[in-house]
Each structure stands twice: as C-alpha cells, then as structure tokens.
Amino acid sequence: PDFGSNPDYGIPYNVVEDNQKLVPITFTAYGDESDEGPYPVPDNAKREAGSDRHVLVLQKGTCKLFELFNAERDLAGGGWFADSAAVFDLTSNALRPEGWTSADAAGLAILPGLIRYEEVETGKITHAIRFTASRSQRGYIHPATHFAGSNDASLPPMGLRVRMKASYDISGLTGHSRVIAEAMKTYGMMLADNGSSWYFQGATDSRWDDDDLNQLKAIPGSAFEAVYTGEIIQ
C-alpha cells in the first residue's frame, strides 16, 4: 500500500464548489496532450508529496474532475504550472484521445482508482484500484490511451487489469485489509503509471491504521492473474 497515516504518503484530493474561481494553467511539458484551462484549482489546493506532485480537484455541480501532474503554483500569473493536465466529465465514459496522456502515464483519471478511507469504512470498495509497475511495454489497453514504456512485449502494458485469484485465501485478513483484498478479487487493479512494482494507491488520510494495512504487504504478485479486457494498442 502506497498510502498510510503519514501525510507524506498517498494522493490527496480537493473538492470545490461549482463557483470556484477559474485560474490559468501553464503547461511545461505535455501541453499538446493536455486540456486547456482555466481550471477551478484553489491557491491552497492540497498537492501530493514527492516527485509527481499531483493535484486533483473534484468540482461539485459540474461533476467534473481536474487533474494536474507535476503541479506548482504560478505566483506571478495567479494560476498553476503543470507538466500535463486533464479534465474528465464524470457523467461520461468517453476516453482520452488516442495517444494522449493525462496527469497519469496511462491517460487515465487518478481519483477513481484511489482507495479512500470513507469507502473502506462502509465495508466495500466498488471499483478497480490504481497500481504501478517499475517497467512497462510500449503499448496500452483501453481505457488507457497512452504508453510510457519500451519495446519489450514481456512487460505489462498500461491499462492492464489484474485480479486476485479466486483461489487465493484471504480469510486471515482483518479490518480494512480484508475490504481492500475483497475489492482486488472482485474488481482487480489497473496499471496506471510507472513506479514501484505492485504499489497501489490510496487517498491521503491520517486515519489509516498502518498496522492494519501492513497485512497486505504479505500478498505476493503470484496471487494475481491478468484479465483479458482488449487488445494491446501500440
């Protein structure tokens, strides 16, 4: 688990009203594959710690999600700098344009794949979970739209869905770990970015019980199987 009680881990997200002030976004790397601003990003928006520095903003009323990668405040311009950014209409299943990235290497939205404390507390997660691999191949499977790997077909493509095998015994898990493992059996995990292998992400929250989450560290990669969800696009 790439999250826990330490606020330096996990990916935070921001919820704003539909009248949140719009500010300009200046792209510093992948502007040709990004959605133009302005975005409703607050000056004091919570940002992921570490090198990726994601900023996620969910806007009420419009049901839109705004996500930035490598974000930094533009103090002179009154907005934000970002290597890339994407806007997702959460009332639609439309994908990013073919070959486009997002705030994630796979061109996927980040927030829907995060494990959130509130949902785990209900006893059920009803979606696939975002995870990373240290290396990936030059290809992707929908709903991913972008690759960030090499010409090595033995490596996983972006958008790969893996699911915990039905035969893998999780009866010994307790608490939140049991809820997360059950979601891995039902909905699985989706490869969204290059990073530490088999790390899966949750929202930043000081209420996480690290001792509980540590149970999941004993689960091996061999407990999962790849699920065919479409052809690899290269």
C-alpha atoms as a PDB file:
ATOM      1  CA  PRO A   1       0.000   0.000   0.000  1.00  0.00           C
ATOM      2  CA  ASP A   2       1.438   3.331  -1.141  1.00  0.00           C
ATOM      3  CA  PHE A   3      -0.505   5.260   1.490  1.00  0.00           C
ATOM      4  CA  GLY A   4      -0.995   5.329   5.248  1.00  0.00           C
ATOM      5  CA  SER A   5      -1.345   7.581   8.264  1.00  0.00           C
ATOM      6  CA  ASN A   6       1.736   9.615   7.307  1.00  0.00           C
ATOM      7  CA  PRO A   7       0.540  12.622   5.246  1.00  0.00           C
ATOM      8  CA  ASP A   8       3.658  12.311   3.074  1.00  0.00           C
ATOM      9  CA  TYR A   9       2.118   9.187   1.505  1.00  0.00           C
ATOM     10  CA  GLY A  10      -0.958   8.777  -0.625  1.00  0.00           C
ATOM     11  CA  ILE A  11      -2.545  11.164  -3.119  1.00  0.00           C
ATOM     12  CA  PRO A  12      -4.789  13.884  -1.656  1.00  0.00           C
ATOM     13  CA  TYR A  13      -7.764  15.324  -3.489  1.00  0.00           C
ATOM     14  CA  ASN A  14      -9.682  18.575  -3.269  1.00  0.00           C
ATOM     15  CA  VAL A  15     -13.450  19.141  -3.511  1.00  0.00           C
ATOM     16  CA  VAL A  16     -14.628  22.589  -4.622  1.00  0.00           C
ATOM     17  CA  GLU A  17     -17.961  24.277  -5.291  1.00  0.00           C
ATOM     18  CA  ASP A  18     -19.228  24.985  -8.785  1.00  0.00           C
ATOM     19  CA  ASN A  19     -18.457  28.684  -8.347  1.00  0.00           C
ATOM     20  CA  GLN A  20     -14.764  28.118  -7.539  1.00  0.00           C
ATOM     21  CA  LYS A  21     -12.641  30.772  -9.247  1.00  0.00           C
ATOM     22  CA  LEU A  22     -11.034  29.617 -12.505  1.00  0.00           C
ATOM     23  CA  VAL A  23      -7.289  30.143 -12.861  1.00  0.00           C
ATOM     24  CA  PRO A  24      -4.889  29.735 -15.815  1.00  0.00           C
ATOM     25  CA  ILE A  25      -2.812  26.582 -16.275  1.00  0.00           C
ATOM     26  CA  THR A  26       0.600  26.937 -17.921  1.00  0.00           C
ATOM     27  CA  PHE A  27       1.919  23.670 -19.375  1.00  0.00           C
ATOM     28  CA  THR A  28       5.617  22.927 -19.045  1.00  0.00           C
ATOM     29  CA  ALA A  29       5.978  19.598 -20.898  1.00  0.00           C
ATOM     30  CA  TYR A  30       2.956  17.888 -22.484  1.00  0.00           C
ATOM     31  CA  GLY A  31       0.669  20.765 -23.365  1.00  0.00           C
ATOM     32  CA  ASP A  32      -0.184  19.212 -26.742  1.00  0.00           C
ATOM     33  CA  GLU A  33      -1.788  16.263 -24.919  1.00  0.00           C
ATOM     34  CA  SER A  34      -3.445  18.317 -22.184  1.00  0.00           C
ATOM     35  CA  ASP A  35      -6.818  20.033 -21.805  1.00  0.00           C
ATOM     36  CA  GLU A  36      -6.570  23.794 -21.828  1.00  0.00           C
ATOM     37  CA  GLY A  37      -7.501  25.854 -18.784  1.00  0.00           C
ATOM     38  CA  PRO A  38      -8.657  27.691 -16.903  1.00  0.00           C
ATOM     39  CA  TYR A  39      -9.242  25.204 -14.073  1.00  0.00           C
ATOM     40  CA  PRO A  40     -11.015  25.665 -10.711  1.00  0.00           C
ATOM     41  CA  VAL A  41      -7.864  24.980  -8.675  1.00  0.00           C
ATOM     42  CA  PRO A  42      -7.668  26.824  -5.324  1.00  0.00           C
ATOM     43  CA  ASP A  43      -4.497  28.642  -4.368  1.00  0.00           C
ATOM     44  CA  ASN A  44      -4.196  26.393  -1.313  1.00  0.00           C
ATOM     45  CA  ALA A  45      -5.014  23.116  -3.081  1.00  0.00           C
ATOM     46  CA  LYS A  46      -3.584  20.006  -1.443  1.00  0.00           C
ATOM     47  CA  ARG A  47      -0.760  18.534  -3.537  1.00  0.00           C
ATOM     48  CA  GLU A  48       0.809  15.094  -3.493  1.00  0.00           C
ATOM     49  CA  ALA A  49       4.144  14.929  -1.721  1.00  0.00           C
ATOM     50  CA  GLY A  50       7.060  13.533  -3.688  1.00  0.00           C
ATOM     51  CA  SER A  51       8.185  13.968  -7.276  1.00  0.00           C
ATOM     52  CA  ASP A  52       4.853  13.505  -9.102  1.00  0.00           C
ATOM     53  CA  ARG A  53       3.163  16.381  -7.260  1.00  0.00           C
ATOM     54  CA  HIS A  54      -0.332  15.560  -8.464  1.00  0.00           C
ATOM     55  CA  VAL A  55      -3.177  17.976  -7.776  1.00  0.00           C
ATOM     56  CA  LEU A  56      -6.703  16.520  -8.040  1.00  0.00           C
ATOM     57  CA  VAL A  57      -9.789  18.745  -7.944  1.00  0.00           C
ATOM     58  CA  LEU A  58     -13.346  17.420  -7.971  1.00  0.00           C
ATOM     59  CA  GLN A  59     -15.931  20.109  -8.694  1.00  0.00           C
ATOM     60  CA  LYS A  60     -19.436  19.846  -7.284  1.00  0.00           C
ATOM     61  CA  GLY A  61     -22.372  20.675  -9.519  1.00  0.00           C
ATOM     62  CA  THR A  62     -20.471  20.254 -12.786  1.00  0.00           C
ATOM     63  CA  CYS A  63     -19.398  16.689 -11.895  1.00  0.00           C
ATOM     64  CA  LYS A  64     -16.010  17.339 -13.447  1.00  0.00           C
ATOM     65  CA  LEU A  65     -12.595  16.183 -12.339  1.00  0.00           C
ATOM     66  CA  PHE A  66      -9.460  18.263 -12.960  1.00  0.00           C
ATOM     67  CA  GLU A  67      -6.084  16.572 -12.518  1.00  0.00           C
ATOM     68  CA  LEU A  68      -2.571  18.060 -12.801  1.00  0.00           C
ATOM     69  CA  PHE A  69       0.834  16.373 -12.957  1.00  0.00           C
ATOM     70  CA  ASN A  70       3.984  17.973 -11.532  1.00  0.00           C
ATOM     71  CA  ALA A  71       1.947  20.955 -10.392  1.00  0.00           C
ATOM     72  CA  GLU A  72       3.373  24.123  -8.907  1.00  0.00           C
ATOM     73  CA  ARG A  73       1.833  27.478  -8.069  1.00  0.00           C
ATOM     74  CA  ASP A  74       2.402  30.247 -10.622  1.00  0.00           C
ATOM     75  CA  LEU A  75       2.672  33.107  -8.179  1.00  0.00           C
ATOM     76  CA  ALA A  76       3.189  35.717 -10.876  1.00  0.00           C
ATOM     77  CA  GLY A  77       0.379  34.530 -13.134  1.00  0.00           C
ATOM     78  CA  GLY A  78      -2.104  33.680 -10.410  1.00  0.00           C
ATOM     79  CA  GLY A  79      -2.580  30.110 -11.584  1.00  0.00           C
ATOM     80  CA  TRP A  80      -0.594  26.876 -11.753  1.00  0.00           C
ATOM     81  CA  PHE A  81       2.250  25.346 -13.743  1.00  0.00           C
ATOM     82  CA  ALA A  82       1.862  21.679 -14.731  1.00  0.00           C
ATOM     83  CA  ASP A  83       3.707  19.256 -16.974  1.00  0.00           C
ATOM     84  CA  SER A  84       0.312  17.898 -18.077  1.00  0.00           C
ATOM     85  CA  ALA A  85      -3.322  18.075 -17.019  1.00  0.00           C
ATOM     86  CA  ALA A  86      -6.664  16.588 -17.942  1.00  0.00           C
ATOM     87  CA  VAL A  87     -10.358  17.283 -17.446  1.00  0.00           C
ATOM     88  CA  PHE A  88     -12.777  14.377 -17.026  1.00  0.00           C
ATOM     89  CA  ASP A  89     -16.560  14.640 -17.332  1.00  0.00           C
ATOM     90  CA  LEU A  90     -17.719  12.086 -14.752  1.00  0.00           C
ATOM     91  CA  THR A  91     -21.142  11.790 -16.403  1.00  0.00           C
ATOM     92  CA  SER A  92     -19.452  10.271 -19.481  1.00  0.00           C
ATOM     93  CA  ASN A  93     -17.413   7.162 -20.239  1.00  0.00           C
ATOM     94  CA  ALA A  94     -15.535   8.906 -23.062  1.00  0.00           C
ATOM     95  CA  LEU A  95     -11.815   8.130 -23.217  1.00  0.00           C
ATOM     96  CA  ARG A  96      -8.928  10.496 -23.759  1.00  0.00           C
ATOM     97  CA  PRO A  97      -7.889  10.903 -27.412  1.00  0.00           C
ATOM     98  CA  GLU A  98      -5.738   8.018 -28.647  1.00  0.00           C
ATOM     99  CA  GLY A  99      -2.108   8.545 -27.704  1.00  0.00           C
ATOM    100  CA  TRP A 100      -2.852  11.258 -25.142  1.00  0.00           C
ATOM    101  CA  THR A 101      -1.567  11.175 -21.613  1.00  0.00           C
ATOM    102  CA  SER A 102      -3.376  12.741 -18.633  1.00  0.00           C
ATOM    103  CA  ALA A 103      -1.960  13.509 -15.203  1.00  0.00           C
ATOM    104  CA  ASP A 104      -1.085   9.801 -15.257  1.00  0.00           C
ATOM    105  CA  ALA A 105       1.093   7.976 -17.789  1.00  0.00           C
ATOM    106  CA  ALA A 106      -1.767   5.727 -18.904  1.00  0.00           C
ATOM    107  CA  GLY A 107      -4.099   8.595 -19.785  1.00  0.00           C
ATOM    108  CA  LEU A 108      -6.484   7.505 -17.034  1.00  0.00           C
ATOM    109  CA  ALA A 109      -8.127   9.525 -14.290  1.00  0.00           C
ATOM    110  CA  ILE A 110      -6.378   9.088 -10.935  1.00  0.00           C
ATOM    111  CA  LEU A 111      -9.114   9.791  -8.378  1.00  0.00           C
ATOM    112  CA  PRO A 112     -11.475   6.937  -9.389  1.00  0.00           C
ATOM    113  CA  GLY A 113      -8.711   4.389  -8.759  1.00  0.00           C
ATOM    114  CA  LEU A 114      -7.721   5.607  -5.297  1.00  0.00           C
ATOM    115  CA  ILE A 115      -8.724   3.733  -2.162  1.00  0.00           C
ATOM    116  CA  ARG A 116     -10.497   6.253   0.068  1.00  0.00           C
ATOM    117  CA  TYR A 117     -10.872   5.894   3.820  1.00  0.00           C
ATOM    118  CA  GLU A 118     -14.587   6.712   3.732  1.00  0.00           C
ATOM    119  CA  GLU A 119     -15.427   3.951   1.268  1.00  0.00           C
ATOM    120  CA  VAL A 120     -13.382   1.336   3.111  1.00  0.00           C
ATOM    121  CA  GLU A 121     -15.223   2.256   6.304  1.00  0.00           C
ATOM    122  CA  THR A 122     -18.503   1.289   4.596  1.00  0.00           C
ATOM    123  CA  GLY A 123     -17.098  -2.213   4.189  1.00  0.00           C
ATOM    124  CA  LYS A 124     -16.990  -2.270   0.384  1.00  0.00           C
ATOM    125  CA  ILE A 125     -14.931  -0.858  -2.478  1.00  0.00           C
ATOM    126  CA  THR A 126     -16.757  -0.951  -5.818  1.00  0.00           C
ATOM    127  CA  HIS A 127     -14.029  -0.106  -8.328  1.00  0.00           C
ATOM    128  CA  ALA A 128     -10.651  -1.195  -9.655  1.00  0.00           C
ATOM    129  CA  ILE A 129      -7.585   0.083  -7.819  1.00  0.00           C
ATOM    130  CA  ARG A 130      -4.739   2.090  -9.356  1.00  0.00           C
ATOM    131  CA  PHE A 131      -1.320   0.415  -9.228  1.00  0.00           C
ATOM    132  CA  THR A 132       2.154   0.911 -10.665  1.00  0.00           C
ATOM    133  CA  ALA A 133       4.963  -1.181 -12.164  1.00  0.00           C
ATOM    134  CA  SER A 134       8.642  -0.328 -12.398  1.00  0.00           C
ATOM    135  CA  ARG A 135       8.703  -1.024 -16.141  1.00  0.00           C
ATOM    136  CA  SER A 136       6.037  -1.262 -18.816  1.00  0.00           C
ATOM    137  CA  GLN A 137       5.857  -2.003 -22.507  1.00  0.00           C
ATOM    138  CA  ARG A 138       5.242   0.347 -25.414  1.00  0.00           C
ATOM    139  CA  GLY A 139       1.503  -0.295 -25.548  1.00  0.00           C
ATOM    140  CA  TYR A 140      -1.792   0.242 -23.793  1.00  0.00           C
ATOM    141  CA  ILE A 141      -5.193  -1.380 -23.392  1.00  0.00           C
ATOM    142  CA  HIS A 142      -8.385   0.683 -23.257  1.00  0.00           C
ATOM    143  CA  PRO A 143      -9.496   2.518 -21.190  1.00  0.00           C
ATOM    144  CA  ALA A 144      -5.829   3.598 -21.113  1.00  0.00           C
ATOM    145  CA  THR A 145      -4.830   5.769 -24.082  1.00  0.00           C
ATOM    146  CA  HIS A 146      -1.092   6.285 -23.614  1.00  0.00           C
ATOM    147  CA  PHE A 147       2.059   4.237 -23.100  1.00  0.00           C
ATOM    148  CA  ALA A 148       5.303   5.085 -21.324  1.00  0.00           C
ATOM    149  CA  GLY A 149       7.440   2.012 -21.818  1.00  0.00           C
ATOM    150  CA  SER A 150       9.906   0.153 -24.017  1.00  0.00           C
ATOM    151  CA  ASN A 151       9.763  -2.331 -26.912  1.00  0.00           C
ATOM    152  CA  ASP A 152       9.647  -5.347 -24.611  1.00  0.00           C
ATOM    153  CA  ALA A 153       6.496  -7.433 -25.016  1.00  0.00           C
ATOM    154  CA  SER A 154       7.241  -9.330 -21.795  1.00  0.00           C
ATOM    155  CA  LEU A 155       6.406  -6.202 -19.786  1.00  0.00           C
ATOM    156  CA  PRO A 156       2.847  -5.172 -18.846  1.00  0.00           C
ATOM    157  CA  PRO A 157       1.018  -2.550 -20.949  1.00  0.00           C
ATOM    158  CA  MET A 158      -0.673   0.480 -19.455  1.00  0.00           C
ATOM    159  CA  GLY A 159      -4.316  -0.252 -18.655  1.00  0.00           C
ATOM    160  CA  LEU A 160      -3.584  -3.897 -17.843  1.00  0.00           C
ATOM    161  CA  ARG A 161      -6.213  -5.302 -15.462  1.00  0.00           C
ATOM    162  CA  VAL A 162      -5.031  -7.826 -12.896  1.00  0.00           C
ATOM    163  CA  ARG A 163      -7.295  -9.559 -10.408  1.00  0.00           C
ATOM    164  CA  MET A 164      -6.592 -11.540  -7.273  1.00  0.00           C
ATOM    165  CA  LYS A 165      -7.189 -15.224  -7.952  1.00  0.00           C
ATOM    166  CA  ALA A 166     -10.396 -16.672  -6.547  1.00  0.00           C
ATOM    167  CA  SER A 167      -8.292 -19.466  -5.036  1.00  0.00           C
ATOM    168  CA  TYR A 168      -6.103 -17.112  -3.007  1.00  0.00           C
ATOM    169  CA  ASP A 169      -7.053 -17.364   0.673  1.00  0.00           C
ATOM    170  CA  ILE A 170      -7.784 -14.022   2.346  1.00  0.00           C
ATOM    171  CA  SER A 171      -9.674 -15.460   5.328  1.00  0.00           C
ATOM    172  CA  GLY A 172      -6.847 -14.468   7.668  1.00  0.00           C
ATOM    173  CA  LEU A 173      -7.064 -10.781   6.780  1.00  0.00           C
ATOM    174  CA  THR A 174      -8.951  -8.435   9.076  1.00  0.00           C
ATOM    175  CA  GLY A 175     -10.258  -4.868   9.091  1.00  0.00           C
ATOM    176  CA  HIS A 176      -9.581  -2.563   6.175  1.00  0.00           C
ATOM    177  CA  SER A 177      -7.130  -5.009   4.626  1.00  0.00           C
ATOM    178  CA  ARG A 178      -9.899  -7.558   4.204  1.00  0.00           C
ATOM    179  CA  VAL A 179     -12.116  -4.968   2.468  1.00  0.00           C
ATOM    180  CA  ILE A 180      -9.301  -3.998   0.104  1.00  0.00           C
ATOM    181  CA  ALA A 181      -8.442  -7.616  -0.696  1.00  0.00           C
ATOM    182  CA  GLU A 182     -12.091  -8.377  -1.478  1.00  0.00           C
ATOM    183  CA  ALA A 183     -12.089  -5.492  -3.964  1.00  0.00           C
ATOM    184  CA  MET A 184      -8.924  -6.906  -5.534  1.00  0.00           C
ATOM    185  CA  LYS A 185     -10.774 -10.188  -6.033  1.00  0.00           C
ATOM    186  CA  THR A 186     -13.879  -8.564  -7.493  1.00  0.00           C
ATOM    187  CA  TYR A 187     -12.656  -5.531  -9.450  1.00  0.00           C
ATOM    188  CA  GLY A 188      -8.910  -6.053  -9.501  1.00  0.00           C
ATOM    189  CA  MET A 189      -6.275  -3.426 -10.144  1.00  0.00           C
ATOM    190  CA  MET A 190      -5.379  -1.395 -13.233  1.00  0.00           C
ATOM    191  CA  LEU A 191      -1.859  -0.411 -14.277  1.00  0.00           C
ATOM    192  CA  ALA A 192      -1.807   3.389 -14.459  1.00  0.00           C
ATOM    193  CA  ASP A 193       1.798   4.538 -14.193  1.00  0.00           C
ATOM    194  CA  ASN A 194       5.441   3.556 -13.956  1.00  0.00           C
ATOM    195  CA  GLY A 195       6.649   3.407 -10.363  1.00  0.00           C
ATOM    196  CA  SER A 196       7.456   0.876  -7.680  1.00  0.00           C
ATOM    197  CA  SER A 197       6.132  -2.529  -8.717  1.00  0.00           C
ATOM    198  CA  TRP A 198       2.901  -3.707  -7.106  1.00  0.00           C
ATOM    199  CA  TYR A 199       2.404  -0.434  -5.234  1.00  0.00           C
ATOM    200  CA  PHE A 200      -1.270   0.504  -5.114  1.00  0.00           C
ATOM    201  CA  GLN A 201      -2.555   3.929  -4.194  1.00  0.00           C
ATOM    202  CA  GLY A 202      -4.958   5.440  -1.719  1.00  0.00           C
ATOM    203  CA  ALA A 203      -6.035   8.919  -0.742  1.00  0.00           C
ATOM    204  CA  THR A 204      -4.012  10.726   1.904  1.00  0.00           C
ATOM    205  CA  ASP A 205      -5.739  10.404   5.269  1.00  0.00           C
ATOM    206  CA  SER A 206      -4.324  10.454   8.807  1.00  0.00           C
ATOM    207  CA  ARG A 207      -6.999   7.960   9.929  1.00  0.00           C
ATOM    208  CA  TRP A 208      -5.404   4.987   8.137  1.00  0.00           C
ATOM    209  CA  ASP A 209      -4.242   2.235  10.504  1.00  0.00           C
ATOM    210  CA  ASP A 210      -0.762   1.288   9.293  1.00  0.00           C
ATOM    211  CA  ASP A 211      -0.678  -1.979  11.243  1.00  0.00           C
ATOM    212  CA  ASP A 212      -3.912  -2.982   9.518  1.00  0.00           C
ATOM    213  CA  LEU A 213      -2.639  -2.047   6.040  1.00  0.00           C
ATOM    214  CA  ASN A 214       0.652  -3.848   6.634  1.00  0.00           C
ATOM    215  CA  GLN A 215      -1.213  -7.169   6.349  1.00  0.00           C
ATOM    216  CA  LEU A 216      -1.437  -6.572   2.606  1.00  0.00           C
ATOM    217  CA  LYS A 217       2.354  -6.499   2.220  1.00  0.00           C
ATOM    218  CA  ALA A 218       2.456 -10.285   2.593  1.00  0.00           C
ATOM    219  CA  ILE A 219       0.394 -10.853  -0.562  1.00  0.00           C
ATOM    220  CA  PRO A 220       2.697 -11.895  -3.445  1.00  0.00           C
ATOM    221  CA  GLY A 221       2.353 -10.841  -7.069  1.00  0.00           C
ATOM    222  CA  SER A 222       1.699 -14.500  -7.888  1.00  0.00           C
ATOM    223  CA  ALA A 223      -1.672 -14.136  -6.136  1.00  0.00           C
ATOM    224  CA  PHE A 224      -2.890 -12.175  -9.187  1.00  0.00           C
ATOM    225  CA  GLU A 225      -3.799 -13.124 -12.730  1.00  0.00           C
ATOM    226  CA  ALA A 226      -4.079 -10.953 -15.828  1.00  0.00           C
ATOM    227  CA  VAL A 227      -7.605 -10.393 -17.150  1.00  0.00           C
ATOM    228  CA  TYR A 228      -8.169 -10.040 -20.890  1.00  0.00           C
ATOM    229  CA  THR A 229     -10.048  -6.780 -21.497  1.00  0.00           C
ATOM    230  CA  GLY A 230      -8.937  -5.999 -25.060  1.00  0.00           C
ATOM    231  CA  GLU A 231      -6.067  -5.940 -27.490  1.00  0.00           C
ATOM    232  CA  ILE A 232      -2.841  -4.057 -26.828  1.00  0.00           C
ATOM    233  CA  ILE A 233      -2.623  -0.871 -28.875  1.00  0.00           C
ATOM    234  CA  GLN A 234       0.869   0.160 -29.904  1.00  0.00           C
END
